[in-house]
């Protein structure tokens, strides 16, 4: 059919034929496709305003990909959480780290305090323990005075709350 020609019924041009000619002439398609067609284009509602279309088959083919990505992410999170939980539990097996405050007695040194409170499973030597005590108490040198209050770390296998 050409523009302006449609089916003639009872001497009148049919409305369906004239609207079809209009859509063909201006390169338009139906504004509202018929229901029940599975392959009709769906309007992409992205914010770019370009009005791109996506077929229903393409949209439905993305669903398994999204579901498998969600399942994969969940499995990764479970693995990460169990790994972290295992490392936390292994640290707890070494004992719990606590801090206590002490008052230095006359004649005591940091080396003697290290002998009383050090746990060699958690410190490689006395010097590393003394360095931590000096850091906690903001000491610049290892000299301490009688009557001075210090905070010292120690480890215990008991959980104190």
Protein backbone atom coordinates (compact mmCIF):
# COMPACT_ATOMS: atom_id res chain seq x y z
CA UNK A 1 0.00 0.00 0.00
CA UNK A 2 1.16 3.47 -0.71
CA UNK A 3 0.56 6.56 1.35
CA UNK A 4 -3.04 7.52 1.17
CA UNK A 5 -4.25 4.15 -0.04
CA UNK A 6 -6.02 1.82 2.31
CA UNK A 7 -8.69 -0.79 2.15
CA UNK A 8 -12.01 0.60 1.12
CA UNK A 9 -15.09 -0.67 2.88
CA UNK A 10 -18.46 0.72 1.93
CA UNK A 11 -16.82 3.60 0.09
CA UNK A 12 -14.75 4.74 3.08
CA UNK A 13 -11.09 4.22 3.84
CA UNK A 14 -10.57 1.97 6.89
CA UNK A 15 -8.99 3.57 9.92
CA UNK A 16 -6.59 0.66 10.45
CA UNK A 17 -5.18 0.99 6.96
CA UNK A 18 -4.68 4.75 7.23
CA UNK A 19 -2.90 4.53 10.59
CA UNK A 20 -0.68 1.74 9.23
CA UNK A 21 0.22 4.00 6.31
CA UNK A 22 1.00 6.79 8.77
CA UNK A 23 3.32 4.59 10.83
CA UNK A 24 5.10 3.29 7.73
CA UNK A 25 5.52 6.75 6.27
CA UNK A 26 7.18 8.20 9.34
CA UNK A 27 9.16 5.09 10.33
CA UNK A 28 7.23 4.58 13.54
CA UNK A 29 6.08 1.38 15.13
CA UNK A 30 3.09 0.84 17.29
CA UNK A 31 3.32 2.73 20.54
CA UNK A 32 1.85 -0.16 22.50
CA UNK A 33 2.70 -3.58 21.10
CA UNK A 34 0.13 -6.34 21.31
CA UNK A 35 0.11 -8.33 24.51
CA UNK A 36 1.32 -11.90 24.49
CA UNK A 37 4.29 -11.43 22.21
CA UNK A 38 7.41 -12.63 23.98
CA UNK A 39 9.95 -11.01 21.69
CA UNK A 40 8.63 -7.47 21.76
CA UNK A 41 11.08 -4.74 22.68
CA UNK A 42 10.98 -3.37 26.20
CA UNK A 43 11.85 0.22 26.94
CA UNK A 44 15.20 0.59 28.70
CA UNK A 45 14.57 2.79 31.69
CA UNK A 46 18.14 3.93 32.09
CA UNK A 47 18.62 7.56 33.00
CA UNK A 48 20.38 8.49 29.77
CA UNK A 49 17.17 9.33 27.86
CA UNK A 50 18.32 7.68 24.65
CA UNK A 51 15.40 5.25 24.69
CA UNK A 52 17.36 2.13 23.87
CA UNK A 53 15.37 -1.06 23.72
CA UNK A 54 16.16 -4.49 25.05
CA UNK A 55 14.38 -7.63 23.95
CA UNK A 56 12.68 -9.77 26.57
CA UNK A 57 14.89 -12.72 25.60
CA UNK A 58 18.03 -10.73 26.36
CA UNK A 59 16.58 -9.51 29.62
CA UNK A 60 15.59 -13.04 30.65
CA UNK A 61 18.98 -14.41 29.62
CA UNK A 62 20.67 -12.09 32.13
CA UNK A 63 18.71 -13.46 35.07
CA UNK A 64 20.76 -16.70 35.43
CA UNK A 65 23.97 -14.67 35.25
CA UNK A 66 22.81 -12.39 38.05
CA UNK A 67 21.67 -15.33 40.17
CA UNK A 68 24.96 -17.19 39.67
CA UNK A 69 26.92 -14.03 40.54
CA UNK A 70 24.91 -13.66 43.75
CA UNK A 71 25.50 -17.31 44.69
CA UNK A 72 29.23 -16.96 43.94
CA UNK A 73 29.40 -13.82 46.12
CA UNK A 74 27.63 -15.59 48.97
CA UNK A 75 30.04 -18.54 48.77
CA UNK A 76 33.03 -16.17 48.80
CA UNK A 77 31.66 -14.36 51.87
CA UNK A 78 31.17 -17.67 53.68
CA UNK A 79 34.74 -18.72 52.90
CA UNK A 80 36.15 -15.37 54.06
CA UNK A 81 34.12 -15.41 57.28
CA UNK A 82 35.14 -18.97 58.17
CA UNK A 83 38.79 -18.16 57.48
CA UNK A 84 38.65 -15.09 59.72
CA UNK A 85 36.77 -17.00 62.41
CA UNK A 86 39.41 -19.73 62.33
CA UNK A 87 42.23 -17.21 62.73
CA UNK A 88 40.43 -15.56 65.64
CA UNK A 89 39.99 -18.90 67.35
CA UNK A 90 43.65 -19.79 66.80
CA UNK A 91 44.67 -16.49 68.43
CA UNK A 92 42.42 -17.33 71.37
CA UNK A 93 44.21 -20.65 71.79
CA UNK A 94 47.45 -18.71 72.43
CA UNK A 95 45.72 -16.94 75.30
CA UNK A 96 44.02 -13.62 75.73
CA UNK A 97 46.04 -10.45 76.00
CA UNK A 98 45.34 -8.29 79.03
CA UNK A 99 46.87 -5.23 80.61
CA UNK A 100 47.45 -4.54 84.25
CA UNK A 101 48.81 -1.56 86.13
CA UNK A 102 51.63 -2.02 88.61
CA UNK A 103 53.59 0.25 90.93
CA UNK A 104 57.34 -0.08 90.56
CA UNK A 105 59.04 -1.25 93.77
CA UNK A 106 62.46 0.08 94.81
CA UNK A 107 65.25 -1.58 92.83
CA UNK A 108 63.01 -3.06 90.11
CA UNK A 109 63.94 -2.72 86.43
CA UNK A 110 62.05 -3.31 83.22
CA UNK A 111 64.10 -6.49 82.72
CA UNK A 112 62.83 -7.90 86.03
CA UNK A 113 59.25 -6.93 85.17
CA UNK A 114 59.68 -8.67 81.82
CA UNK A 115 60.72 -11.85 83.65
CA UNK A 116 57.47 -11.75 85.66
CA UNK A 117 54.99 -10.94 82.87
CA UNK A 118 56.47 -12.12 79.54
CA UNK A 119 54.94 -14.96 77.55
CA UNK A 120 57.51 -16.34 75.09
CA UNK A 121 54.81 -17.79 72.84
CA UNK A 122 53.77 -14.25 71.95
CA UNK A 123 57.09 -12.37 72.18
CA UNK A 124 60.28 -13.42 70.45
CA UNK A 125 62.54 -12.04 73.23
CA UNK A 126 62.64 -9.76 76.29
CA UNK A 127 63.66 -6.74 74.23
CA UNK A 128 60.44 -6.86 72.18
CA UNK A 129 58.39 -7.08 75.40
CA UNK A 130 60.29 -4.16 76.98
CA UNK A 131 59.81 -2.12 73.78
CA UNK A 132 56.06 -2.67 74.01
CA UNK A 133 55.99 -1.66 77.71
CA UNK A 134 57.97 1.49 76.87
CA UNK A 135 55.58 2.29 74.01
CA UNK A 136 52.45 1.80 76.15
CA UNK A 137 53.80 4.01 78.94
CA UNK A 138 55.39 6.63 76.65
CA UNK A 139 58.87 6.05 78.05
CA UNK A 140 61.84 7.33 76.06
CA UNK A 141 64.46 5.29 77.93
CA UNK A 142 64.33 2.08 79.95
CA UNK A 143 65.01 3.74 83.34
CA UNK A 144 62.09 3.60 85.77
CA UNK A 145 61.69 5.00 89.30
CA UNK A 146 60.30 3.46 92.49
CA UNK A 147 56.65 4.41 93.00
CA UNK A 148 56.05 4.94 89.28
CA UNK A 149 52.84 3.41 87.89
CA UNK A 150 53.24 1.34 84.70
CA UNK A 151 50.84 -0.56 82.48
CA UNK A 152 52.20 -3.94 81.42
CA UNK A 153 50.72 -6.54 79.07
CA UNK A 154 50.32 -10.19 79.98
CA UNK A 155 48.63 -13.25 78.47
CA UNK A 156 46.21 -15.62 80.13
CA UNK A 157 44.34 -18.66 78.83
CA UNK A 158 41.31 -17.66 80.91
CA UNK A 159 38.73 -15.35 79.39
CA UNK A 160 38.01 -12.48 81.78
CA UNK A 161 35.02 -10.28 81.13
